[in-house]
Amino acid sequence: TGFQSYVLNSRRPFLQDPRMREALGLALDYEWMNRQMFYGAYQRVVGLFGNTACETHGLPSAAELALMEPWRAQIPPAAFGEMFKPPRTDQPNSLRGNLRRAQQLLRDAGWTVQGGALRNAAGQALELEYLDPGEGGQRMLAPWQRSLEKLGIRLQFRSVDFALYQQRLQKFDFDLVTIVY
């Protein structure tokens, strides 16, 4: 069984800030999409090894901590705490609450809405491109696009042939893609 995941290119300067990446994740209403578009058929994958024998839960084990300790200064402090859990929008949570949290994260990262667009201190609008080797991704992207628009973020869908898609992946010339494993 495979899974698919949105992948952000953190080599892009505006996606290097973890607050920006967290804000983008807060705008994704996975629970609504799974219920309305996929009839509850999907189980959310948490982490690269989610839903596999290599999946991790909770705090790092003693053995994991022993491996991590020599590199503590280079590893984000969050890696030594509880396993990341993606934001949810089912009760008692809500997309509205997540979008409010996202707005605060974006403000903290130096982004403000000006003229209906989210802009950095230099006045550059945040526009992301979703690269897809077909047309199927547009349907899945539409709800996320609507949520991001509420934050002032423009997410464009770009369908390309598979050869160009592969070439742009290899050159890290993308903002956002879906990877299917």
C-alpha atoms as a PDB file:
ATOM      1  CA  THR A   1       0.000   0.000   0.000  1.00  0.00           C
ATOM      2  CA  GLY A   2       1.299   3.443  -0.886  1.00  0.00           C
ATOM      3  CA  PHE A   3       0.599   6.943   0.322  1.00  0.00           C
ATOM      4  CA  GLN A   4       0.910  10.439  -0.992  1.00  0.00           C
ATOM      5  CA  SER A   5       2.153  13.553   0.684  1.00  0.00           C
ATOM      6  CA  TYR A   6       2.490  17.232  -0.130  1.00  0.00           C
ATOM      7  CA  VAL A   7       6.173  18.183  -0.189  1.00  0.00           C
ATOM      8  CA  LEU A   8       7.374  21.755   0.292  1.00  0.00           C
ATOM      9  CA  ASN A   9      10.732  22.740  -1.156  1.00  0.00           C
ATOM     10  CA  SER A  10      12.456  24.153   1.930  1.00  0.00           C
ATOM     11  CA  ARG A  11      15.377  25.215  -0.257  1.00  0.00           C
ATOM     12  CA  ARG A  12      13.211  28.151  -1.348  1.00  0.00           C
ATOM     13  CA  PRO A  13      14.074  31.135   0.872  1.00  0.00           C
ATOM     14  CA  PHE A  14      10.465  31.872   1.832  1.00  0.00           C
ATOM     15  CA  LEU A  15       9.841  28.229   2.789  1.00  0.00           C
ATOM     16  CA  GLN A  16      12.922  27.919   5.005  1.00  0.00           C
ATOM     17  CA  ASP A  17      11.152  29.450   7.986  1.00  0.00           C
ATOM     18  CA  PRO A  18       9.423  26.670   9.958  1.00  0.00           C
ATOM     19  CA  ARG A  19       6.674  29.130  10.945  1.00  0.00           C
ATOM     20  CA  MET A  20       5.780  29.559   7.269  1.00  0.00           C
ATOM     21  CA  ARG A  21       5.658  25.801   6.729  1.00  0.00           C
ATOM     22  CA  GLU A  22       3.538  25.329   9.847  1.00  0.00           C
ATOM     23  CA  ALA A  23       1.140  28.066   8.711  1.00  0.00           C
ATOM     24  CA  LEU A  24       0.707  26.357   5.334  1.00  0.00           C
ATOM     25  CA  GLY A  25      -0.070  23.081   7.108  1.00  0.00           C
ATOM     26  CA  LEU A  26      -2.626  24.769   9.349  1.00  0.00           C
ATOM     27  CA  ALA A  27      -4.538  25.891   6.244  1.00  0.00           C
ATOM     28  CA  LEU A  28      -4.962  22.317   4.985  1.00  0.00           C
ATOM     29  CA  ASP A  29      -8.330  20.907   6.086  1.00  0.00           C
ATOM     30  CA  TYR A  30      -7.450  17.222   5.811  1.00  0.00           C
ATOM     31  CA  GLU A  31     -10.464  16.000   7.749  1.00  0.00           C
ATOM     32  CA  TRP A  32     -12.927  17.826   5.450  1.00  0.00           C
ATOM     33  CA  MET A  33     -11.106  16.654   2.320  1.00  0.00           C
ATOM     34  CA  ASN A  34     -11.053  13.034   3.482  1.00  0.00           C
ATOM     35  CA  ARG A  35     -14.726  13.123   4.436  1.00  0.00           C
ATOM     36  CA  GLN A  36     -16.123  15.079   1.467  1.00  0.00           C
ATOM     37  CA  MET A  37     -13.797  14.101  -1.370  1.00  0.00           C
ATOM     38  CA  PHE A  38     -12.593  10.611  -0.438  1.00  0.00           C
ATOM     39  CA  TYR A  39     -15.530   9.314   1.659  1.00  0.00           C
ATOM     40  CA  GLY A  40     -13.253   8.656   4.647  1.00  0.00           C
ATOM     41  CA  ALA A  41     -11.115   6.191   2.708  1.00  0.00           C
ATOM     42  CA  TYR A  42      -7.734   7.552   3.819  1.00  0.00           C
ATOM     43  CA  GLN A  43      -5.799   7.301   7.053  1.00  0.00           C
ATOM     44  CA  ARG A  44      -3.598  10.311   7.641  1.00  0.00           C
ATOM     45  CA  VAL A  45       0.116   9.607   7.448  1.00  0.00           C
ATOM     46  CA  VAL A  46       2.266  11.299  10.088  1.00  0.00           C
ATOM     47  CA  GLY A  47       5.917  11.558   9.132  1.00  0.00           C
ATOM     48  CA  LEU A  48       7.895   9.910   6.379  1.00  0.00           C
ATOM     49  CA  PHE A  49       7.504   6.454   7.906  1.00  0.00           C
ATOM     50  CA  GLY A  50       3.895   6.815   9.063  1.00  0.00           C
ATOM     51  CA  ASN A  51       1.679   3.720   8.913  1.00  0.00           C
ATOM     52  CA  THR A  52       4.740   1.455   8.579  1.00  0.00           C
ATOM     53  CA  ALA A  53       6.752  -0.696  10.976  1.00  0.00           C
ATOM     54  CA  CYS A  54       9.275   2.179  11.189  1.00  0.00           C
ATOM     55  CA  GLU A  55       6.702   4.711  12.441  1.00  0.00           C
ATOM     56  CA  THR A  56       7.475   6.431  15.715  1.00  0.00           C
ATOM     57  CA  HIS A  57       5.177   7.665  18.496  1.00  0.00           C
ATOM     58  CA  GLY A  58       5.547   9.857  21.566  1.00  0.00           C
ATOM     59  CA  LEU A  59       8.968  10.690  22.941  1.00  0.00           C
ATOM     60  CA  PRO A  60      12.265   9.385  21.512  1.00  0.00           C
ATOM     61  CA  SER A  61      13.354   6.105  23.083  1.00  0.00           C
ATOM     62  CA  ALA A  62      16.534   5.813  25.136  1.00  0.00           C
ATOM     63  CA  ALA A  63      18.315   4.252  22.136  1.00  0.00           C
ATOM     64  CA  GLU A  64      17.177   7.087  19.841  1.00  0.00           C
ATOM     65  CA  LEU A  65      18.284   9.707  22.359  1.00  0.00           C
ATOM     66  CA  ALA A  66      21.700   8.047  22.593  1.00  0.00           C
ATOM     67  CA  LEU A  67      22.085   8.316  18.803  1.00  0.00           C
ATOM     68  CA  MET A  68      20.899  11.940  18.755  1.00  0.00           C
ATOM     69  CA  GLU A  69      22.856  13.258  21.748  1.00  0.00           C
ATOM     70  CA  PRO A  70      26.236  13.834  20.016  1.00  0.00           C
ATOM     71  CA  TRP A  71      24.477  16.112  17.508  1.00  0.00           C
ATOM     72  CA  ARG A  72      22.163  17.915  19.952  1.00  0.00           C
ATOM     73  CA  ALA A  73      23.481  21.351  18.918  1.00  0.00           C
ATOM     74  CA  GLN A  74      22.662  20.688  15.248  1.00  0.00           C
ATOM     75  CA  ILE A  75      19.245  19.049  15.801  1.00  0.00           C
ATOM     76  CA  PRO A  76      16.135  21.182  16.379  1.00  0.00           C
ATOM     77  CA  PRO A  77      15.080  21.017  20.050  1.00  0.00           C
ATOM     78  CA  ALA A  78      11.609  19.792  19.013  1.00  0.00           C
ATOM     79  CA  ALA A  79      13.171  16.484  17.872  1.00  0.00           C
ATOM     80  CA  PHE A  80      13.881  15.665  21.530  1.00  0.00           C
ATOM     81  CA  GLY A  81      10.219  16.111  22.503  1.00  0.00           C
ATOM     82  CA  GLU A  82       6.870  14.617  21.558  1.00  0.00           C
ATOM     83  CA  MET A  83       6.361  13.378  17.996  1.00  0.00           C
ATOM     84  CA  PHE A  84       4.786  16.009  15.731  1.00  0.00           C
ATOM     85  CA  LYS A  85       1.041  15.697  15.247  1.00  0.00           C
ATOM     86  CA  PRO A  86      -0.515  17.487  12.258  1.00  0.00           C
ATOM     87  CA  PRO A  87      -3.221  20.044  12.981  1.00  0.00           C
ATOM     88  CA  ARG A  88      -6.804  18.794  12.884  1.00  0.00           C
ATOM     89  CA  THR A  89     -10.062  20.492  12.002  1.00  0.00           C
ATOM     90  CA  ASP A  90     -12.564  18.085  13.544  1.00  0.00           C
ATOM     91  CA  GLN A  91     -14.162  18.983  16.903  1.00  0.00           C
ATOM     92  CA  PRO A  92     -13.009  20.516  19.185  1.00  0.00           C
ATOM     93  CA  ASN A  93     -10.623  22.003  16.590  1.00  0.00           C
ATOM     94  CA  SER A  94     -11.670  24.064  13.588  1.00  0.00           C
ATOM     95  CA  LEU A  95     -10.243  25.367  10.338  1.00  0.00           C
ATOM     96  CA  ARG A  96     -11.063  28.882  11.521  1.00  0.00           C
ATOM     97  CA  GLY A  97      -8.969  28.402  14.663  1.00  0.00           C
ATOM     98  CA  ASN A  98      -6.130  26.937  12.602  1.00  0.00           C
ATOM     99  CA  LEU A  99      -6.228  29.907  10.206  1.00  0.00           C
ATOM    100  CA  ARG A 100      -6.035  32.314  13.143  1.00  0.00           C
ATOM    101  CA  ARG A 101      -2.978  30.467  14.440  1.00  0.00           C
ATOM    102  CA  ALA A 102      -1.504  30.550  10.908  1.00  0.00           C
ATOM    103  CA  GLN A 103      -2.034  34.328  10.712  1.00  0.00           C
ATOM    104  CA  GLN A 104      -0.106  34.781  13.946  1.00  0.00           C
ATOM    105  CA  LEU A 105       2.748  32.549  12.764  1.00  0.00           C
ATOM    106  CA  LEU A 106       2.969  34.520   9.513  1.00  0.00           C
ATOM    107  CA  ARG A 107       3.014  37.843  11.403  1.00  0.00           C
ATOM    108  CA  ASP A 108       5.749  36.474  13.683  1.00  0.00           C
ATOM    109  CA  ALA A 109       7.723  35.519  10.560  1.00  0.00           C
ATOM    110  CA  GLY A 110       7.448  39.101   9.221  1.00  0.00           C
ATOM    111  CA  TRP A 111       4.602  38.659   6.724  1.00  0.00           C
ATOM    112  CA  THR A 112       1.576  40.982   6.602  1.00  0.00           C
ATOM    113  CA  VAL A 113      -1.478  41.261   4.390  1.00  0.00           C
ATOM    114  CA  GLN A 114      -1.288  44.351   2.186  1.00  0.00           C
ATOM    115  CA  GLY A 115      -3.684  44.936  -0.682  1.00  0.00           C
ATOM    116  CA  GLY A 116      -5.185  41.480  -0.222  1.00  0.00           C
ATOM    117  CA  ALA A 117      -1.838  39.687  -0.590  1.00  0.00           C
ATOM    118  CA  LEU A 118       0.520  38.330   2.034  1.00  0.00           C
ATOM    119  CA  ARG A 119       3.772  40.279   1.702  1.00  0.00           C
ATOM    120  CA  ASN A 120       7.185  40.220   3.326  1.00  0.00           C
ATOM    121  CA  ALA A 121       9.091  43.289   4.545  1.00  0.00           C
ATOM    122  CA  ALA A 122      10.368  43.906   0.991  1.00  0.00           C
ATOM    123  CA  GLY A 123       6.774  43.998  -0.291  1.00  0.00           C
ATOM    124  CA  GLN A 124       7.012  40.699  -2.201  1.00  0.00           C
ATOM    125  CA  ALA A 125       3.720  38.803  -2.373  1.00  0.00           C
ATOM    126  CA  LEU A 126       3.730  35.147  -1.389  1.00  0.00           C
ATOM    127  CA  GLU A 127       2.772  33.126  -4.443  1.00  0.00           C
ATOM    128  CA  LEU A 128       3.360  29.397  -4.505  1.00  0.00           C
ATOM    129  CA  GLU A 129       3.283  27.025  -7.446  1.00  0.00           C
ATOM    130  CA  TYR A 130       1.985  23.491  -7.117  1.00  0.00           C
ATOM    131  CA  LEU A 131       3.653  21.351  -9.771  1.00  0.00           C
ATOM    132  CA  ASP A 132       1.769  18.246 -10.939  1.00  0.00           C
ATOM    133  CA  PRO A 133       2.480  15.707 -13.700  1.00  0.00           C
ATOM    134  CA  GLY A 134      -1.210  15.522 -14.615  1.00  0.00           C
ATOM    135  CA  GLU A 135      -4.563  17.187 -14.102  1.00  0.00           C
ATOM    136  CA  GLY A 136      -5.753  15.133 -11.115  1.00  0.00           C
ATOM    137  CA  GLY A 137      -4.097  17.268  -8.463  1.00  0.00           C
ATOM    138  CA  GLN A 138      -6.233  20.335  -9.232  1.00  0.00           C
ATOM    139  CA  ARG A 139      -9.308  18.814  -7.578  1.00  0.00           C
ATOM    140  CA  MET A 140      -7.395  17.973  -4.407  1.00  0.00           C
ATOM    141  CA  LEU A 141      -5.707  21.361  -4.319  1.00  0.00           C
ATOM    142  CA  ALA A 142      -8.841  23.545  -4.622  1.00  0.00           C
ATOM    143  CA  PRO A 143      -9.924  23.430  -0.930  1.00  0.00           C
ATOM    144  CA  TRP A 144      -6.388  24.261   0.209  1.00  0.00           C
ATOM    145  CA  GLN A 145      -6.215  27.122  -2.318  1.00  0.00           C
ATOM    146  CA  ARG A 146      -9.392  28.621  -0.825  1.00  0.00           C
ATOM    147  CA  SER A 147      -7.997  28.426   2.710  1.00  0.00           C
ATOM    148  CA  LEU A 148      -4.669  29.938   1.678  1.00  0.00           C
ATOM    149  CA  GLU A 149      -6.461  32.801  -0.082  1.00  0.00           C
ATOM    150  CA  LYS A 150      -7.965  33.728   3.303  1.00  0.00           C
ATOM    151  CA  LEU A 151      -4.384  34.217   4.515  1.00  0.00           C
ATOM    152  CA  GLY A 152      -3.452  36.260   1.431  1.00  0.00           C
ATOM    153  CA  ILE A 153      -1.430  33.435  -0.143  1.00  0.00           C
ATOM    154  CA  ARG A 154      -1.862  32.608  -3.818  1.00  0.00           C
ATOM    155  CA  LEU A 155      -1.361  28.947  -4.720  1.00  0.00           C
ATOM    156  CA  GLN A 156      -1.243  28.279  -8.453  1.00  0.00           C
ATOM    157  CA  PHE A 157      -1.708  24.860 -10.031  1.00  0.00           C
ATOM    158  CA  ARG A 158       0.686  24.006 -12.856  1.00  0.00           C
ATOM    159  CA  SER A 159       0.292  20.795 -14.815  1.00  0.00           C
ATOM    160  CA  VAL A 160       3.412  19.685 -16.702  1.00  0.00           C
ATOM    161  CA  ASP A 161       4.367  16.544 -18.595  1.00  0.00           C
ATOM    162  CA  PHE A 162       6.172  13.900 -16.577  1.00  0.00           C
ATOM    163  CA  ALA A 163       9.598  14.558 -18.165  1.00  0.00           C
ATOM    164  CA  LEU A 164       9.511  18.232 -17.147  1.00  0.00           C
ATOM    165  CA  TYR A 165       8.137  17.306 -13.729  1.00  0.00           C
ATOM    166  CA  GLN A 166      11.039  14.887 -13.160  1.00  0.00           C
ATOM    167  CA  GLN A 167      13.571  17.438 -14.391  1.00  0.00           C
ATOM    168  CA  ARG A 168      12.251  20.162 -12.089  1.00  0.00           C
ATOM    169  CA  LEU A 169      12.257  17.767  -9.132  1.00  0.00           C
ATOM    170  CA  GLN A 170      15.885  16.841  -9.782  1.00  0.00           C
ATOM    171  CA  LYS A 171      16.858  20.525  -9.955  1.00  0.00           C
ATOM    172  CA  PHE A 172      14.725  21.450  -6.920  1.00  0.00           C
ATOM    173  CA  ASP A 173      12.890  23.923  -9.171  1.00  0.00           C
ATOM    174  CA  PHE A 174       9.499  23.737  -7.460  1.00  0.00           C
ATOM    175  CA  ASP A 175       7.620  25.177  -4.503  1.00  0.00           C
ATOM    176  CA  LEU A 176       5.210  22.353  -3.824  1.00  0.00           C
ATOM    177  CA  VAL A 177       4.568  18.880  -5.240  1.00  0.00           C
ATOM    178  CA  THR A 178       2.816  15.691  -4.249  1.00  0.00           C
ATOM    179  CA  ILE A 179       5.005  12.643  -3.851  1.00  0.00           C
ATOM    180  CA  VAL A 180       3.374   9.227  -4.078  1.00  0.00           C
ATOM    181  CA  TYR A 181       5.146   6.347  -2.327  1.00  0.00           C
END
